[in-house]
């Protein structure tokens, strides 16, 4: 998927759950998606490999919980697949 198409789809869907992404964050999601798909060829990290489904079922679904987590909170993603990194700043 071309970056601009990805960017528009991701921003549109994230805006619907009140998450605003800047250009750098969108690039990180895009890079992560491509790395995930590349490594998925060698080890079964996810059954979700279609671009639109990755945006919705991996990125947006994970984003929904953001409003319930404070920056100081620690969370554990246990046994739910490849897992998605969280900025630890």
PDB file of N, CA and C in Angstrom:
ATOM      1  N   UNK A   1       0.850  -1.171   0.000  1.00  0.00           N
ATOM      2  CA  UNK A   1       0.000   0.000   0.000  1.00  0.00           C
ATOM      3  C   UNK A   1       0.895   1.233   0.000  1.00  0.00           C
ATOM      4  N   UNK A   2       0.574   2.155  -0.861  1.00  0.00           N
ATOM      5  CA  UNK A   2       1.330   3.412  -0.933  1.00  0.00           C
ATOM      6  C   UNK A   2       1.160   4.195   0.365  1.00  0.00           C
ATOM      7  N   UNK A   3       2.206   4.923   0.749  1.00  0.00           N
ATOM      8  CA  UNK A   3       2.187   5.648   2.013  1.00  0.00           C
ATOM      9  C   UNK A   3       1.015   6.618   2.107  1.00  0.00           C
ATOM     10  N   UNK A   4       0.757   7.394   1.077  1.00  0.00           N
ATOM     11  CA  UNK A   4      -0.302   8.408   1.147  1.00  0.00           C
ATOM     12  C   UNK A   4      -1.679   7.776   1.339  1.00  0.00           C
ATOM     13  N   UNK A   5      -1.925   6.646   0.702  1.00  0.00           N
ATOM     14  CA  UNK A   5      -3.185   5.927   0.869  1.00  0.00           C
ATOM     15  C   UNK A   5      -3.295   5.433   2.309  1.00  0.00           C
ATOM     16  N   UNK A   6      -2.213   4.820   2.791  1.00  0.00           N
ATOM     17  CA  UNK A   6      -2.164   4.346   4.174  1.00  0.00           C
ATOM     18  C   UNK A   6      -2.415   5.496   5.139  1.00  0.00           C
ATOM     19  N   UNK A   7      -1.722   6.594   4.932  1.00  0.00           N
ATOM     20  CA  UNK A   7      -1.831   7.767   5.798  1.00  0.00           C
ATOM     21  C   UNK A   7      -3.278   8.243   5.886  1.00  0.00           C
ATOM     22  N   UNK A   8      -3.936   8.398   4.761  1.00  0.00           N
ATOM     23  CA  UNK A   8      -5.316   8.872   4.749  1.00  0.00           C
ATOM     24  C   UNK A   8      -6.259   7.910   5.463  1.00  0.00           C
ATOM     25  N   UNK A   9      -6.085   6.616   5.234  1.00  0.00           N
ATOM     26  CA  UNK A   9      -6.947   5.626   5.876  1.00  0.00           C
ATOM     27  C   UNK A   9      -6.716   5.597   7.388  1.00  0.00           C
ATOM     28  N   UNK A  10      -5.455   5.586   7.797  1.00  0.00           N
ATOM     29  CA  UNK A  10      -5.143   5.516   9.227  1.00  0.00           C
ATOM     30  C   UNK A  10      -5.626   6.770   9.953  1.00  0.00           C
ATOM     31  N   UNK A  11      -5.325   7.927   9.420  1.00  0.00           N
ATOM     32  CA  UNK A  11      -5.742   9.178  10.067  1.00  0.00           C
ATOM     33  C   UNK A  11      -7.255   9.249  10.164  1.00  0.00           C
ATOM     34  N   UNK A  12      -7.958   8.881   9.103  1.00  0.00           N
ATOM     35  CA  UNK A  12      -9.417   8.912   9.115  1.00  0.00           C
ATOM     36  C   UNK A  12      -9.990   8.015  10.197  1.00  0.00           C
ATOM     37  N   UNK A  13      -9.484   6.797  10.287  1.00  0.00           N
ATOM     38  CA  UNK A  13     -10.007   5.846  11.273  1.00  0.00           C
ATOM     39  C   UNK A  13      -9.617   6.245  12.692  1.00  0.00           C
ATOM     40  N   UNK A  14      -8.403   6.721  12.892  1.00  0.00           N
ATOM     41  CA  UNK A  14      -7.977   7.140  14.234  1.00  0.00           C
ATOM     42  C   UNK A  14      -8.740   8.381  14.695  1.00  0.00           C
ATOM     43  N   UNK A  15      -9.032   9.282  13.780  1.00  0.00           N
ATOM     44  CA  UNK A  15      -9.813  10.468  14.139  1.00  0.00           C
ATOM     45  C   UNK A  15     -11.194  10.081  14.665  1.00  0.00           C
ATOM     46  N   UNK A  16     -11.749   8.990  14.170  1.00  0.00           N
ATOM     47  CA  UNK A  16     -13.070   8.533  14.618  1.00  0.00           C
ATOM     48  C   UNK A  16     -13.059   8.089  16.074  1.00  0.00           C
ATOM     49  N   UNK A  17     -11.886   7.730  16.599  1.00  0.00           N
ATOM     50  CA  UNK A  17     -11.781   7.366  18.020  1.00  0.00           C
ATOM     51  C   UNK A  17     -11.018   8.443  18.792  1.00  0.00           C
ATOM     52  N   UNK A  18     -11.005   9.638  18.239  1.00  0.00           N
ATOM     53  CA  UNK A  18     -10.404  10.820  18.877  1.00  0.00           C
ATOM     54  C   UNK A  18      -8.914  10.695  19.141  1.00  0.00           C
ATOM     55  N   UNK A  19      -8.213  10.075  18.203  1.00  0.00           N
ATOM     56  CA  UNK A  19      -6.749  10.019  18.266  1.00  0.00           C
ATOM     57  C   UNK A  19      -6.223  10.771  17.056  1.00  0.00           C
ATOM     58  N   UNK A  20      -5.423  11.786  17.333  1.00  0.00           N
ATOM     59  CA  UNK A  20      -4.817  12.583  16.270  1.00  0.00           C
ATOM     60  C   UNK A  20      -3.354  12.193  16.132  1.00  0.00           C
ATOM     61  N   UNK A  21      -2.963  11.834  14.943  1.00  0.00           N
ATOM     62  CA  UNK A  21      -1.588  11.414  14.683  1.00  0.00           C
ATOM     63  C   UNK A  21      -0.867  12.474  13.873  1.00  0.00           C
ATOM     64  N   UNK A  22       0.420  12.667  14.192  1.00  0.00           N
ATOM     65  CA  UNK A  22       1.220  13.559  13.361  1.00  0.00           C
ATOM     66  C   UNK A  22       1.919  12.729  12.285  1.00  0.00           C
ATOM     67  N   UNK A  23       2.585  13.400  11.391  1.00  0.00           N
ATOM     68  CA  UNK A  23       3.235  12.747  10.246  1.00  0.00           C
ATOM     69  C   UNK A  23       4.237  11.676  10.694  1.00  0.00           C
ATOM     70  N   UNK A  24       5.010  11.990  11.711  1.00  0.00           N
ATOM     71  CA  UNK A  24       6.030  11.041  12.191  1.00  0.00           C
ATOM     72  C   UNK A  24       5.378   9.783  12.768  1.00  0.00           C
ATOM     73  N   UNK A  25       4.298   9.929  13.492  1.00  0.00           N
ATOM     74  CA  UNK A  25       3.603   8.772  14.050  1.00  0.00           C
ATOM     75  C   UNK A  25       3.020   7.901  12.939  1.00  0.00           C
ATOM     76  N   UNK A  26       2.454   8.541  11.926  1.00  0.00           N
ATOM     77  CA  UNK A  26       1.912   7.779  10.789  1.00  0.00           C
ATOM     78  C   UNK A  26       3.034   6.996  10.111  1.00  0.00           C
ATOM     79  N   UNK A  27       4.191   7.617   9.942  1.00  0.00           N
ATOM     80  CA  UNK A  27       5.341   6.926   9.343  1.00  0.00           C
ATOM     81  C   UNK A  27       5.755   5.726  10.172  1.00  0.00           C
ATOM     82  N   UNK A  28       5.724   5.860  11.497  1.00  0.00           N
ATOM     83  CA  UNK A  28       6.088   4.733  12.363  1.00  0.00           C
ATOM     84  C   UNK A  28       5.097   3.581  12.214  1.00  0.00           C
ATOM     85  N   UNK A  29       3.805   3.887  12.158  1.00  0.00           N
ATOM     86  CA  UNK A  29       2.803   2.837  11.924  1.00  0.00           C
ATOM     87  C   UNK A  29       3.031   2.166  10.573  1.00  0.00           C
ATOM     88  N   UNK A  30       3.308   2.960   9.552  1.00  0.00           N
ATOM     89  CA  UNK A  30       3.537   2.433   8.204  1.00  0.00           C
ATOM     90  C   UNK A  30       4.766   1.519   8.181  1.00  0.00           C
ATOM     91  N   UNK A  31       5.830   1.974   8.789  1.00  0.00           N
ATOM     92  CA  UNK A  31       7.049   1.156   8.847  1.00  0.00           C
ATOM     93  C   UNK A  31       6.806  -0.125   9.623  1.00  0.00           C
ATOM     94  N   UNK A  32       6.097  -0.008  10.743  1.00  0.00           N
ATOM     95  CA  UNK A  32       5.810  -1.196  11.545  1.00  0.00           C
ATOM     96  C   UNK A  32       4.974  -2.205  10.750  1.00  0.00           C
ATOM     97  N   UNK A  33       3.967  -1.708  10.019  1.00  0.00           N
ATOM     98  CA  UNK A  33       3.144  -2.601   9.207  1.00  0.00           C
ATOM     99  C   UNK A  33       4.004  -3.360   8.198  1.00  0.00           C
ATOM    100  N   UNK A  34       4.897  -2.666   7.542  1.00  0.00           N
ATOM    101  CA  UNK A  34       5.750  -3.315   6.541  1.00  0.00           C
ATOM    102  C   UNK A  34       6.717  -4.303   7.160  1.00  0.00           C
ATOM    103  N   UNK A  35       7.260  -3.981   8.316  1.00  0.00           N
ATOM    104  CA  UNK A  35       8.148  -4.917   9.027  1.00  0.00           C
ATOM    105  C   UNK A  35       7.356  -6.141   9.469  1.00  0.00           C
ATOM    106  N   UNK A  36       6.165  -5.917  10.018  1.00  0.00           N
ATOM    107  CA  UNK A  36       5.309  -7.022  10.450  1.00  0.00           C
ATOM    108  C   UNK A  36       5.015  -7.972   9.290  1.00  0.00           C
ATOM    109  N   UNK A  37       4.650  -7.414   8.149  1.00  0.00           N
ATOM    110  CA  UNK A  37       4.334  -8.246   6.990  1.00  0.00           C
ATOM    111  C   UNK A  37       5.568  -8.981   6.472  1.00  0.00           C
ATOM    112  N   UNK A  38       6.699  -8.328   6.500  1.00  0.00           N
ATOM    113  CA  UNK A  38       7.935  -8.976   6.041  1.00  0.00           C
ATOM    114  C   UNK A  38       8.298 -10.156   6.948  1.00  0.00           C
ATOM    115  N   UNK A  39       8.292  -9.933   8.268  1.00  0.00           N
ATOM    116  CA  UNK A  39       8.648 -11.002   9.202  1.00  0.00           C
ATOM    117  C   UNK A  39       7.582 -12.089   9.246  1.00  0.00           C
ATOM    118  N   UNK A  40       6.347 -11.727   8.941  1.00  0.00           N
ATOM    119  CA  UNK A  40       5.275 -12.712   8.949  1.00  0.00           C
ATOM    120  C   UNK A  40       5.493 -13.792   7.888  1.00  0.00           C
ATOM    121  N   UNK A  41       6.278 -13.491   6.875  1.00  0.00           N
ATOM    122  CA  UNK A  41       6.613 -14.494   5.848  1.00  0.00           C
ATOM    123  C   UNK A  41       7.456 -15.629   6.430  1.00  0.00           C
ATOM    124  N   UNK A  42       8.218 -15.320   7.503  1.00  0.00           N
ATOM    125  CA  UNK A  42       9.149 -16.291   8.071  1.00  0.00           C
ATOM    126  C   UNK A  42       8.625 -16.940   9.336  1.00  0.00           C
ATOM    127  N   UNK A  43       7.824 -16.216  10.097  1.00  0.00           N
ATOM    128  CA  UNK A  43       7.234 -16.773  11.308  1.00  0.00           C
ATOM    129  C   UNK A  43       5.801 -16.262  11.412  1.00  0.00           C
ATOM    130  N   UNK A  44       4.930 -17.097  11.839  1.00  0.00           N
ATOM    131  CA  UNK A  44       3.506 -16.774  11.849  1.00  0.00           C
ATOM    132  C   UNK A  44       3.181 -15.802  12.990  1.00  0.00           C
ATOM    133  N   UNK A  45       3.339 -14.502  12.731  1.00  0.00           N
ATOM    134  CA  UNK A  45       3.060 -13.492  13.741  1.00  0.00           C
ATOM    135  C   UNK A  45       1.585 -13.112  13.775  1.00  0.00           C
ATOM    136  N   UNK A  46       0.946 -13.107  12.623  1.00  0.00           N
ATOM    137  CA  UNK A  46      -0.463 -12.711  12.538  1.00  0.00           C
ATOM    138  C   UNK A  46      -1.123 -13.339  11.321  1.00  0.00           C
ATOM    139  N   UNK A  47      -2.405 -13.632  11.465  1.00  0.00           N
ATOM    140  CA  UNK A  47      -3.187 -14.105  10.317  1.00  0.00           C
ATOM    141  C   UNK A  47      -3.758 -12.927   9.541  1.00  0.00           C
ATOM    142  N   UNK A  48      -3.711 -11.757  10.148  1.00  0.00           N
ATOM    143  CA  UNK A  48      -4.238 -10.546   9.515  1.00  0.00           C
ATOM    144  C   UNK A  48      -3.126  -9.923   8.679  1.00  0.00           C
ATOM    145  N   UNK A  49      -3.248 -10.034   7.367  1.00  0.00           N
ATOM    146  CA  UNK A  49      -2.180  -9.546   6.491  1.00  0.00           C
ATOM    147  C   UNK A  49      -2.680  -8.606   5.400  1.00  0.00           C
ATOM    148  N   UNK A  50      -3.973  -8.354   5.354  1.00  0.00           N
ATOM    149  CA  UNK A  50      -4.522  -7.431   4.374  1.00  0.00           C
ATOM    150  C   UNK A  50      -4.414  -6.012   4.944  1.00  0.00           C
ATOM    151  N   UNK A  51      -3.963  -5.077   4.143  1.00  0.00           N
ATOM    152  CA  UNK A  51      -3.646  -3.726   4.613  1.00  0.00           C
ATOM    153  C   UNK A  51      -4.777  -3.067   5.398  1.00  0.00           C
ATOM    154  N   UNK A  52      -5.964  -3.054   4.851  1.00  0.00           N
ATOM    155  CA  UNK A  52      -7.085  -2.399   5.537  1.00  0.00           C
ATOM    156  C   UNK A  52      -7.418  -3.075   6.862  1.00  0.00           C
ATOM    157  N   UNK A  53      -7.279  -4.385   6.893  1.00  0.00           N
ATOM    158  CA  UNK A  53      -7.531  -5.126   8.129  1.00  0.00           C
ATOM    159  C   UNK A  53      -6.452  -4.850   9.178  1.00  0.00           C
ATOM    160  N   UNK A  54      -5.217  -4.686   8.741  1.00  0.00           N
ATOM    161  CA  UNK A  54      -4.142  -4.343   9.676  1.00  0.00           C
ATOM    162  C   UNK A  54      -4.433  -2.996  10.315  1.00  0.00           C
ATOM    163  N   UNK A  55      -4.823  -2.034   9.489  1.00  0.00           N
ATOM    164  CA  UNK A  55      -5.142  -0.707  10.013  1.00  0.00           C
ATOM    165  C   UNK A  55      -6.256  -0.799  11.046  1.00  0.00           C
ATOM    166  N   UNK A  56      -7.318  -1.489  10.701  1.00  0.00           N
ATOM    167  CA  UNK A  56      -8.484  -1.550  11.576  1.00  0.00           C
ATOM    168  C   UNK A  56      -8.269  -2.473  12.777  1.00  0.00           C
ATOM    169  N   UNK A  57      -7.880  -3.704  12.526  1.00  0.00           N
ATOM    170  CA  UNK A  57      -7.860  -4.716  13.586  1.00  0.00           C
ATOM    171  C   UNK A  57      -6.607  -4.694  14.444  1.00  0.00           C
ATOM    172  N   UNK A  58      -5.515  -4.163  13.927  1.00  0.00           N
ATOM    173  CA  UNK A  58      -4.311  -4.055  14.748  1.00  0.00           C
ATOM    174  C   UNK A  58      -4.168  -2.646  15.310  1.00  0.00           C
ATOM    175  N   UNK A  59      -4.113  -1.657  14.461  1.00  0.00           N
ATOM    176  CA  UNK A  59      -3.788  -0.305  14.917  1.00  0.00           C
ATOM    177  C   UNK A  59      -4.966   0.399  15.588  1.00  0.00           C
ATOM    178  N   UNK A  60      -6.113   0.441  14.945  1.00  0.00           N
ATOM    179  CA  UNK A  60      -7.259   1.159  15.523  1.00  0.00           C
ATOM    180  C   UNK A  60      -7.772   0.427  16.758  1.00  0.00           C
ATOM    181  N   UNK A  61      -7.908  -0.888  16.687  1.00  0.00           N
ATOM    182  CA  UNK A  61      -8.371  -1.639  17.853  1.00  0.00           C
ATOM    183  C   UNK A  61      -7.466  -1.412  19.066  1.00  0.00           C
ATOM    184  N   UNK A  62      -6.162  -1.382  18.854  1.00  0.00           N
ATOM    185  CA  UNK A  62      -5.237  -1.108  19.955  1.00  0.00           C
ATOM    186  C   UNK A  62      -5.382   0.329  20.438  1.00  0.00           C
ATOM    187  N   UNK A  63      -5.659   1.237  19.524  1.00  0.00           N
ATOM    188  CA  UNK A  63      -5.799   2.640  19.890  1.00  0.00           C
ATOM    189  C   UNK A  63      -7.003   2.927  20.751  1.00  0.00           C
ATOM    190  N   UNK A  64      -8.027   2.100  20.656  1.00  0.00           N
ATOM    191  CA  UNK A  64      -9.254   2.328  21.424  1.00  0.00           C
ATOM    192  C   UNK A  64      -8.976   2.372  22.923  1.00  0.00           C
ATOM    193  N   UNK A  65      -8.042   1.588  23.409  1.00  0.00           N
ATOM    194  CA  UNK A  65      -7.788   1.537  24.859  1.00  0.00           C
ATOM    195  C   UNK A  65      -6.955   2.710  25.373  1.00  0.00           C
ATOM    196  N   UNK A  66      -6.400   3.515  24.479  1.00  0.00           N
ATOM    197  CA  UNK A  66      -5.513   4.611  24.891  1.00  0.00           C
ATOM    198  C   UNK A  66      -6.170   5.530  25.907  1.00  0.00           C
ATOM    199  N   UNK A  67      -7.444   5.835  25.736  1.00  0.00           N
ATOM    200  CA  UNK A  67      -8.110   6.768  26.650  1.00  0.00           C
ATOM    201  C   UNK A  67      -8.280   6.192  28.058  1.00  0.00           C
ATOM    202  N   UNK A  68      -8.072   4.898  28.219  1.00  0.00           N
ATOM    203  CA  UNK A  68      -8.207   4.261  29.525  1.00  0.00           C
ATOM    204  C   UNK A  68      -6.865   4.043  30.231  1.00  0.00           C
ATOM    205  N   UNK A  69      -5.763   4.411  29.581  1.00  0.00           N
ATOM    206  CA  UNK A  69      -4.432   4.149  30.120  1.00  0.00           C
ATOM    207  C   UNK A  69      -3.708   5.473  30.337  1.00  0.00           C
ATOM    208  N   UNK A  70      -3.222   5.682  31.560  1.00  0.00           N
ATOM    209  CA  UNK A  70      -2.406   6.852  31.845  1.00  0.00           C
ATOM    210  C   UNK A  70      -0.969   6.571  31.412  1.00  0.00           C
ATOM    211  N   UNK A  71      -0.210   7.639  31.127  1.00  0.00           N
ATOM    212  CA  UNK A  71       1.182   7.471  30.698  1.00  0.00           C
ATOM    213  C   UNK A  71       2.015   6.701  31.712  1.00  0.00           C
ATOM    214  N   UNK A  72       1.678   6.805  32.993  1.00  0.00           N
ATOM    215  CA  UNK A  72       2.464   6.124  34.034  1.00  0.00           C
ATOM    216  C   UNK A  72       2.075   4.658  34.191  1.00  0.00           C
ATOM    217  N   UNK A  73       0.940   4.272  33.626  1.00  0.00           N
ATOM    218  CA  UNK A  73       0.464   2.900  33.773  1.00  0.00           C
ATOM    219  C   UNK A  73       1.368   1.916  33.043  1.00  0.00           C
ATOM    220  N   UNK A  74       1.456   0.738  33.590  1.00  0.00           N
ATOM    221  CA  UNK A  74       2.154  -0.374  32.941  1.00  0.00           C
ATOM    222  C   UNK A  74       1.086  -1.350  32.467  1.00  0.00           C
ATOM    223  N   UNK A  75       1.230  -1.819  31.244  1.00  0.00           N
ATOM    224  CA  UNK A  75       0.274  -2.787  30.719  1.00  0.00           C
ATOM    225  C   UNK A  75       1.028  -3.982  30.151  1.00  0.00           C
ATOM    226  N   UNK A  76       0.327  -5.086  30.055  1.00  0.00           N
ATOM    227  CA  UNK A  76       0.909  -6.303  29.508  1.00  0.00           C
ATOM    228  C   UNK A  76      -0.035  -6.858  28.456  1.00  0.00           C
ATOM    229  N   UNK A  77       0.495  -7.091  27.289  1.00  0.00           N
ATOM    230  CA  UNK A  77      -0.260  -7.692  26.197  1.00  0.00           C
ATOM    231  C   UNK A  77       0.134  -9.161  26.180  1.00  0.00           C
ATOM    232  N   UNK A  78      -0.653  -9.992  26.810  1.00  0.00           N
ATOM    233  CA  UNK A  78      -0.288 -11.381  27.030  1.00  0.00           C
ATOM    234  C   UNK A  78      -1.107 -12.323  26.158  1.00  0.00           C
ATOM    235  N   UNK A  79      -0.438 -13.034  25.284  1.00  0.00           N
ATOM    236  CA  UNK A  79      -1.070 -14.089  24.531  1.00  0.00           C
ATOM    237  C   UNK A  79      -2.083 -13.629  23.498  1.00  0.00           C
ATOM    238  N   UNK A  80      -1.898 -12.440  22.958  1.00  0.00           N
ATOM    239  CA  UNK A  80      -2.880 -11.956  21.996  1.00  0.00           C
ATOM    240  C   UNK A  80      -2.275 -11.781  20.613  1.00  0.00           C
ATOM    241  N   UNK A  81      -1.187 -12.444  20.332  1.00  0.00           N
ATOM    242  CA  UNK A  81      -0.590 -12.351  19.009  1.00  0.00           C
ATOM    243  C   UNK A  81       0.787 -11.714  19.056  1.00  0.00           C
ATOM    244  N   UNK A  82       1.140 -11.024  17.997  1.00  0.00           N
ATOM    245  CA  UNK A  82       2.479 -10.458  17.868  1.00  0.00           C
ATOM    246  C   UNK A  82       2.715  -9.332  18.868  1.00  0.00           C
ATOM    247  N   UNK A  83       1.683  -8.698  19.331  1.00  0.00           N
ATOM    248  CA  UNK A  83       1.826  -7.585  20.269  1.00  0.00           C
ATOM    249  C   UNK A  83       2.247  -6.324  19.547  1.00  0.00           C
ATOM    250  N   UNK A  84       1.901  -5.196  20.108  1.00  0.00           N
ATOM    251  CA  UNK A  84       2.230  -3.922  19.485  1.00  0.00           C
ATOM    252  C   UNK A  84       2.944  -3.050  20.485  1.00  0.00           C
ATOM    253  N   UNK A  85       4.112  -2.534  20.101  1.00  0.00           N
ATOM    254  CA  UNK A  85       4.916  -1.755  21.038  1.00  0.00           C
ATOM    255  C   UNK A  85       4.247  -0.441  21.421  1.00  0.00           C
ATOM    256  N   UNK A  86       4.528  -0.005  22.629  1.00  0.00           N
ATOM    257  CA  UNK A  86       4.004   1.252  23.148  1.00  0.00           C
ATOM    258  C   UNK A  86       5.214   2.130  23.456  1.00  0.00           C
ATOM    259  N   UNK A  87       5.107   3.395  23.117  1.00  0.00           N
ATOM    260  CA  UNK A  87       6.188   4.340  23.424  1.00  0.00           C
ATOM    261  C   UNK A  87       6.370   4.376  24.934  1.00  0.00           C
ATOM    262  N   UNK A  88       7.574   4.160  25.420  1.00  0.00           N
ATOM    263  CA  UNK A  88       7.820   4.096  26.863  1.00  0.00           C
ATOM    264  C   UNK A  88       8.403   5.395  27.415  1.00  0.00           C
ATOM    265  N   UNK A  89       8.253   6.496  26.675  1.00  0.00           N
ATOM    266  CA  UNK A  89       8.776   7.772  27.169  1.00  0.00           C
ATOM    267  C   UNK A  89       8.038   8.238  28.391  1.00  0.00           C
TER     268      UNK A  89
END
